[in-house]
Amino acid sequence: GVNVPYCSVYDADGREKMGADHKRRVIGYFTNWRTGKDGKDAYLVPDIPWDKVTHLNYAFAHVDGSNKLSVGPDSADNASTGMTWPGVAGAEMDPTLPY
């Protein structure tokens, strides 16, 4: 077996656990530009079929010069950090989270 003390997502043989309902990785691709702001259909986080994916590739996050995960500068024009959708069901801020 493999001793993996830092993470519990691997089995004793070092393979990633996918859960009983997934035999392999199912990777979803999620962009930050399907906001609906341009008049086109929005595709927001609540629209992701979470019961069908095991991993999510978020475009275009990157590791910045400080070795931190970044989704770009915090501004009103950055759909990842600066947009809110008042009155849009499913797009509300979660009051239980410490934003």
N, C-alpha and C. Protein backbone atom coordinates (compact mmCIF):
# COMPACT_ATOMS: atom_id res chain seq x y z
N GLY A 1 0.81 -1.19 0.00
CA GLY A 1 0.00 0.00 0.00
C GLY A 1 0.85 1.25 0.00
N VAL A 2 0.19 2.35 -0.08
CA VAL A 2 0.83 3.65 -0.11
C VAL A 2 0.40 4.42 1.13
N ASN A 3 1.35 5.00 1.84
CA ASN A 3 1.02 5.79 3.01
C ASN A 3 0.81 7.24 2.56
N VAL A 4 -0.42 7.70 2.63
CA VAL A 4 -0.76 9.05 2.18
C VAL A 4 -1.38 9.79 3.36
N PRO A 5 -0.58 10.24 4.31
CA PRO A 5 -1.13 10.86 5.52
C PRO A 5 -1.72 12.25 5.29
N TYR A 6 -1.36 12.90 4.19
CA TYR A 6 -1.78 14.28 3.97
C TYR A 6 -3.16 14.40 3.33
N CYS A 7 -3.72 13.31 2.89
CA CYS A 7 -4.99 13.42 2.17
C CYS A 7 -5.75 12.11 2.24
N SER A 8 -7.05 12.19 2.41
CA SER A 8 -7.86 10.97 2.51
C SER A 8 -8.63 10.67 1.23
N VAL A 9 -8.23 11.26 0.11
CA VAL A 9 -8.95 11.01 -1.14
C VAL A 9 -8.34 9.86 -1.93
N TYR A 10 -7.29 9.21 -1.38
CA TYR A 10 -6.65 8.10 -2.06
C TYR A 10 -6.88 6.81 -1.30
N ASP A 11 -6.98 5.70 -2.03
CA ASP A 11 -7.13 4.41 -1.36
C ASP A 11 -5.76 3.87 -0.96
N ALA A 12 -5.73 2.66 -0.39
CA ALA A 12 -4.49 2.08 0.11
C ALA A 12 -3.47 1.83 -0.99
N ASP A 13 -3.92 1.73 -2.24
CA ASP A 13 -3.02 1.52 -3.37
C ASP A 13 -2.59 2.83 -4.02
N GLY A 14 -3.00 3.97 -3.45
CA GLY A 14 -2.61 5.26 -3.99
C GLY A 14 -3.48 5.77 -5.11
N ARG A 15 -4.59 5.10 -5.36
CA ARG A 15 -5.51 5.55 -6.41
C ARG A 15 -6.53 6.52 -5.82
N GLU A 16 -6.89 7.50 -6.61
CA GLU A 16 -7.87 8.48 -6.17
C GLU A 16 -9.25 7.83 -6.02
N LYS A 17 -9.93 8.11 -4.91
CA LYS A 17 -11.28 7.59 -4.70
C LYS A 17 -12.26 8.42 -5.51
N MET A 18 -13.09 7.75 -6.30
CA MET A 18 -14.08 8.45 -7.12
C MET A 18 -15.48 8.32 -6.55
N GLY A 19 -15.66 7.47 -5.57
CA GLY A 19 -16.99 7.23 -5.03
C GLY A 19 -17.62 6.04 -5.74
N ALA A 20 -18.60 5.45 -5.13
CA ALA A 20 -19.22 4.25 -5.68
C ALA A 20 -19.91 4.49 -7.01
N ASP A 21 -20.36 5.71 -7.25
CA ASP A 21 -21.13 5.99 -8.47
C ASP A 21 -20.27 6.48 -9.64
N HIS A 22 -18.95 6.57 -9.47
CA HIS A 22 -18.06 6.99 -10.56
C HIS A 22 -16.86 6.05 -10.62
N LYS A 23 -16.69 5.35 -11.73
CA LYS A 23 -15.56 4.44 -11.88
C LYS A 23 -14.31 5.17 -12.37
N ARG A 24 -14.50 6.37 -12.92
CA ARG A 24 -13.37 7.16 -13.42
C ARG A 24 -13.68 8.64 -13.25
N ARG A 25 -12.69 9.46 -13.52
CA ARG A 25 -12.89 10.91 -13.42
C ARG A 25 -13.86 11.39 -14.49
N VAL A 26 -14.71 12.29 -14.10
CA VAL A 26 -15.59 13.00 -15.04
C VAL A 26 -15.31 14.47 -14.79
N ILE A 27 -14.61 15.09 -15.73
CA ILE A 27 -14.13 16.46 -15.55
C ILE A 27 -15.03 17.43 -16.29
N GLY A 28 -15.59 18.38 -15.56
CA GLY A 28 -16.40 19.43 -16.17
C GLY A 28 -15.56 20.66 -16.43
N TYR A 29 -15.90 21.40 -17.46
CA TYR A 29 -15.18 22.62 -17.83
C TYR A 29 -16.12 23.78 -17.56
N PHE A 30 -15.70 24.71 -16.70
CA PHE A 30 -16.55 25.82 -16.30
C PHE A 30 -15.83 27.13 -16.59
N THR A 31 -16.49 28.02 -17.30
CA THR A 31 -15.89 29.30 -17.66
C THR A 31 -16.47 30.43 -16.81
N ASN A 32 -15.81 31.57 -16.82
CA ASN A 32 -16.33 32.70 -16.08
C ASN A 32 -17.07 33.68 -16.97
N TRP A 33 -17.19 33.41 -18.25
CA TRP A 33 -17.82 34.40 -19.14
C TRP A 33 -19.28 34.10 -19.47
N ARG A 34 -19.86 33.02 -18.97
CA ARG A 34 -21.28 32.73 -19.22
C ARG A 34 -22.14 33.35 -18.13
N THR A 35 -22.01 34.66 -17.96
CA THR A 35 -22.67 35.37 -16.87
C THR A 35 -24.07 35.84 -17.20
N GLY A 36 -24.41 35.91 -18.48
CA GLY A 36 -25.70 36.45 -18.89
C GLY A 36 -25.68 37.95 -19.05
N LYS A 37 -24.57 38.59 -18.68
CA LYS A 37 -24.45 40.03 -18.75
C LYS A 37 -24.55 40.56 -20.18
N ASP A 38 -24.12 39.75 -21.15
CA ASP A 38 -24.12 40.19 -22.55
C ASP A 38 -25.42 39.84 -23.28
N GLY A 39 -26.43 39.40 -22.56
CA GLY A 39 -27.71 39.06 -23.17
C GLY A 39 -27.81 37.60 -23.59
N LYS A 40 -26.71 36.87 -23.56
CA LYS A 40 -26.72 35.44 -23.88
C LYS A 40 -27.09 34.66 -22.63
N ASP A 41 -27.47 33.40 -22.80
CA ASP A 41 -27.85 32.57 -21.67
C ASP A 41 -26.72 32.48 -20.65
N ALA A 42 -27.08 32.57 -19.38
CA ALA A 42 -26.11 32.43 -18.29
C ALA A 42 -25.94 30.96 -17.96
N TYR A 43 -24.74 30.60 -17.51
CA TYR A 43 -24.47 29.27 -16.98
C TYR A 43 -23.67 29.49 -15.70
N LEU A 44 -24.35 29.41 -14.57
CA LEU A 44 -23.75 29.73 -13.27
C LEU A 44 -23.47 28.46 -12.49
N VAL A 45 -22.78 28.59 -11.38
CA VAL A 45 -22.39 27.43 -10.56
C VAL A 45 -23.58 26.53 -10.23
N PRO A 46 -24.76 27.05 -9.88
CA PRO A 46 -25.87 26.14 -9.59
C PRO A 46 -26.32 25.31 -10.80
N ASP A 47 -25.89 25.71 -12.01
CA ASP A 47 -26.25 24.96 -13.22
C ASP A 47 -25.35 23.75 -13.45
N ILE A 48 -24.24 23.66 -12.75
CA ILE A 48 -23.32 22.54 -12.92
C ILE A 48 -23.98 21.26 -12.40
N PRO A 49 -23.96 20.18 -13.18
CA PRO A 49 -24.56 18.92 -12.72
C PRO A 49 -23.63 18.21 -11.73
N TRP A 50 -23.62 18.69 -10.49
CA TRP A 50 -22.67 18.21 -9.49
C TRP A 50 -22.74 16.71 -9.26
N ASP A 51 -23.87 16.10 -9.50
CA ASP A 51 -23.99 14.66 -9.30
C ASP A 51 -23.36 13.87 -10.45
N LYS A 52 -22.92 14.55 -11.50
CA LYS A 52 -22.34 13.87 -12.65
C LYS A 52 -20.83 14.09 -12.80
N VAL A 53 -20.25 15.06 -12.11
CA VAL A 53 -18.82 15.35 -12.25
C VAL A 53 -18.06 15.00 -10.98
N THR A 54 -16.79 14.63 -11.17
CA THR A 54 -15.92 14.38 -10.02
C THR A 54 -14.90 15.49 -9.85
N HIS A 55 -14.62 16.22 -10.92
CA HIS A 55 -13.63 17.30 -10.91
C HIS A 55 -14.16 18.45 -11.75
N LEU A 56 -13.65 19.64 -11.48
CA LEU A 56 -14.06 20.81 -12.25
C LEU A 56 -12.82 21.60 -12.67
N ASN A 57 -12.70 21.86 -13.97
CA ASN A 57 -11.64 22.71 -14.50
C ASN A 57 -12.23 24.10 -14.66
N TYR A 58 -11.77 25.04 -13.84
CA TYR A 58 -12.29 26.40 -13.89
C TYR A 58 -11.39 27.25 -14.77
N ALA A 59 -11.93 27.77 -15.85
CA ALA A 59 -11.16 28.63 -16.76
C ALA A 59 -11.44 30.08 -16.40
N PHE A 60 -10.54 30.85 -16.21
CA PHE A 60 -9.12 30.72 -16.41
C PHE A 60 -8.39 31.07 -15.12
N ALA A 61 -8.50 30.25 -14.13
CA ALA A 61 -7.76 30.44 -12.88
C ALA A 61 -6.29 30.11 -13.14
N HIS A 62 -5.41 30.72 -12.38
CA HIS A 62 -3.98 30.46 -12.54
C HIS A 62 -3.27 30.71 -11.20
N VAL A 63 -2.04 30.28 -11.12
CA VAL A 63 -1.22 30.55 -9.95
C VAL A 63 -0.45 31.83 -10.24
N ASP A 64 -0.61 32.84 -9.37
CA ASP A 64 0.01 34.15 -9.61
C ASP A 64 1.46 34.18 -9.11
N GLY A 65 2.09 35.34 -9.20
CA GLY A 65 3.48 35.51 -8.80
C GLY A 65 3.74 35.29 -7.33
N SER A 66 2.70 35.34 -6.51
CA SER A 66 2.82 35.07 -5.07
C SER A 66 2.49 33.62 -4.74
N ASN A 67 2.39 32.79 -5.78
CA ASN A 67 2.05 31.37 -5.63
C ASN A 67 0.68 31.16 -5.00
N LYS A 68 -0.24 32.06 -5.31
CA LYS A 68 -1.62 31.94 -4.84
C LYS A 68 -2.53 31.75 -6.03
N LEU A 69 -3.63 31.04 -5.80
CA LEU A 69 -4.62 30.85 -6.85
C LEU A 69 -5.28 32.18 -7.17
N SER A 70 -5.36 32.52 -8.44
CA SER A 70 -5.91 33.80 -8.85
C SER A 70 -6.92 33.60 -9.97
N VAL A 71 -7.96 34.41 -9.95
CA VAL A 71 -8.94 34.44 -11.05
C VAL A 71 -8.94 35.81 -11.70
N GLY A 72 -7.83 36.54 -11.52
CA GLY A 72 -7.71 37.87 -12.10
C GLY A 72 -7.92 38.94 -11.06
N PRO A 73 -7.74 40.20 -11.47
CA PRO A 73 -7.88 41.31 -10.52
C PRO A 73 -9.32 41.46 -10.03
N ASP A 74 -9.47 41.87 -8.79
CA ASP A 74 -10.80 42.09 -8.21
C ASP A 74 -11.35 43.41 -8.76
N SER A 75 -12.33 43.31 -9.64
CA SER A 75 -12.93 44.51 -10.22
C SER A 75 -14.37 44.21 -10.64
N ALA A 76 -15.12 45.25 -10.87
CA ALA A 76 -16.51 45.09 -11.30
C ALA A 76 -16.62 44.41 -12.65
N ASP A 77 -15.57 44.48 -13.47
CA ASP A 77 -15.59 43.87 -14.79
C ASP A 77 -15.16 42.41 -14.79
N ASN A 78 -14.62 41.92 -13.69
CA ASN A 78 -14.18 40.54 -13.60
C ASN A 78 -15.36 39.69 -13.13
N ALA A 79 -15.87 38.86 -14.03
CA ALA A 79 -17.05 38.05 -13.71
C ALA A 79 -16.79 37.08 -12.57
N SER A 80 -15.54 36.74 -12.31
CA SER A 80 -15.21 35.80 -11.24
C SER A 80 -15.27 36.43 -9.87
N THR A 81 -15.04 37.74 -9.79
CA THR A 81 -14.98 38.38 -8.47
C THR A 81 -15.91 39.57 -8.30
N GLY A 82 -16.27 40.24 -9.38
CA GLY A 82 -16.94 41.52 -9.23
C GLY A 82 -18.40 41.57 -9.62
N MET A 83 -18.98 40.46 -10.02
CA MET A 83 -20.37 40.52 -10.45
C MET A 83 -21.30 39.85 -9.45
N THR A 84 -22.46 40.43 -9.28
CA THR A 84 -23.53 39.80 -8.52
C THR A 84 -24.77 39.86 -9.39
N TRP A 85 -25.73 39.00 -9.11
CA TRP A 85 -26.95 38.93 -9.89
C TRP A 85 -28.15 39.07 -8.97
N PRO A 86 -28.43 40.29 -8.50
CA PRO A 86 -29.56 40.49 -7.59
C PRO A 86 -30.86 40.00 -8.23
N GLY A 87 -31.61 39.25 -7.47
CA GLY A 87 -32.91 38.78 -7.94
C GLY A 87 -32.86 37.57 -8.84
N VAL A 88 -31.67 37.01 -9.11
CA VAL A 88 -31.56 35.83 -9.97
C VAL A 88 -31.52 34.61 -9.06
N ALA A 89 -32.53 33.77 -9.15
CA ALA A 89 -32.61 32.58 -8.31
C ALA A 89 -31.40 31.69 -8.55
N GLY A 90 -30.78 31.23 -7.47
CA GLY A 90 -29.62 30.37 -7.55
C GLY A 90 -28.30 31.12 -7.58
N ALA A 91 -28.34 32.43 -7.70
CA ALA A 91 -27.11 33.22 -7.77
C ALA A 91 -26.89 34.04 -6.50
N GLU A 92 -27.65 33.76 -5.46
CA GLU A 92 -27.54 34.51 -4.22
C GLU A 92 -26.24 34.15 -3.50
N MET A 93 -25.72 35.08 -2.73
CA MET A 93 -24.57 34.80 -1.88
C MET A 93 -25.05 33.89 -0.75
N ASP A 94 -24.22 32.95 -0.35
CA ASP A 94 -24.57 32.04 0.73
C ASP A 94 -24.24 32.71 2.06
N PRO A 95 -25.25 33.06 2.86
CA PRO A 95 -25.00 33.78 4.11
C PRO A 95 -24.24 32.96 5.15
N THR A 96 -24.10 31.66 4.95
CA THR A 96 -23.38 30.84 5.91
C THR A 96 -21.88 30.84 5.66
N LEU A 97 -21.43 31.43 4.53
CA LEU A 97 -20.01 31.43 4.20
C LEU A 97 -19.36 32.77 4.54
N PRO A 98 -18.08 32.74 4.96
CA PRO A 98 -17.39 33.97 5.34
C PRO A 98 -16.67 34.63 4.16
N TYR A 99 -17.39 35.23 3.25
CA TYR A 99 -16.78 35.81 2.05
C TYR A 99 -15.78 36.88 2.39
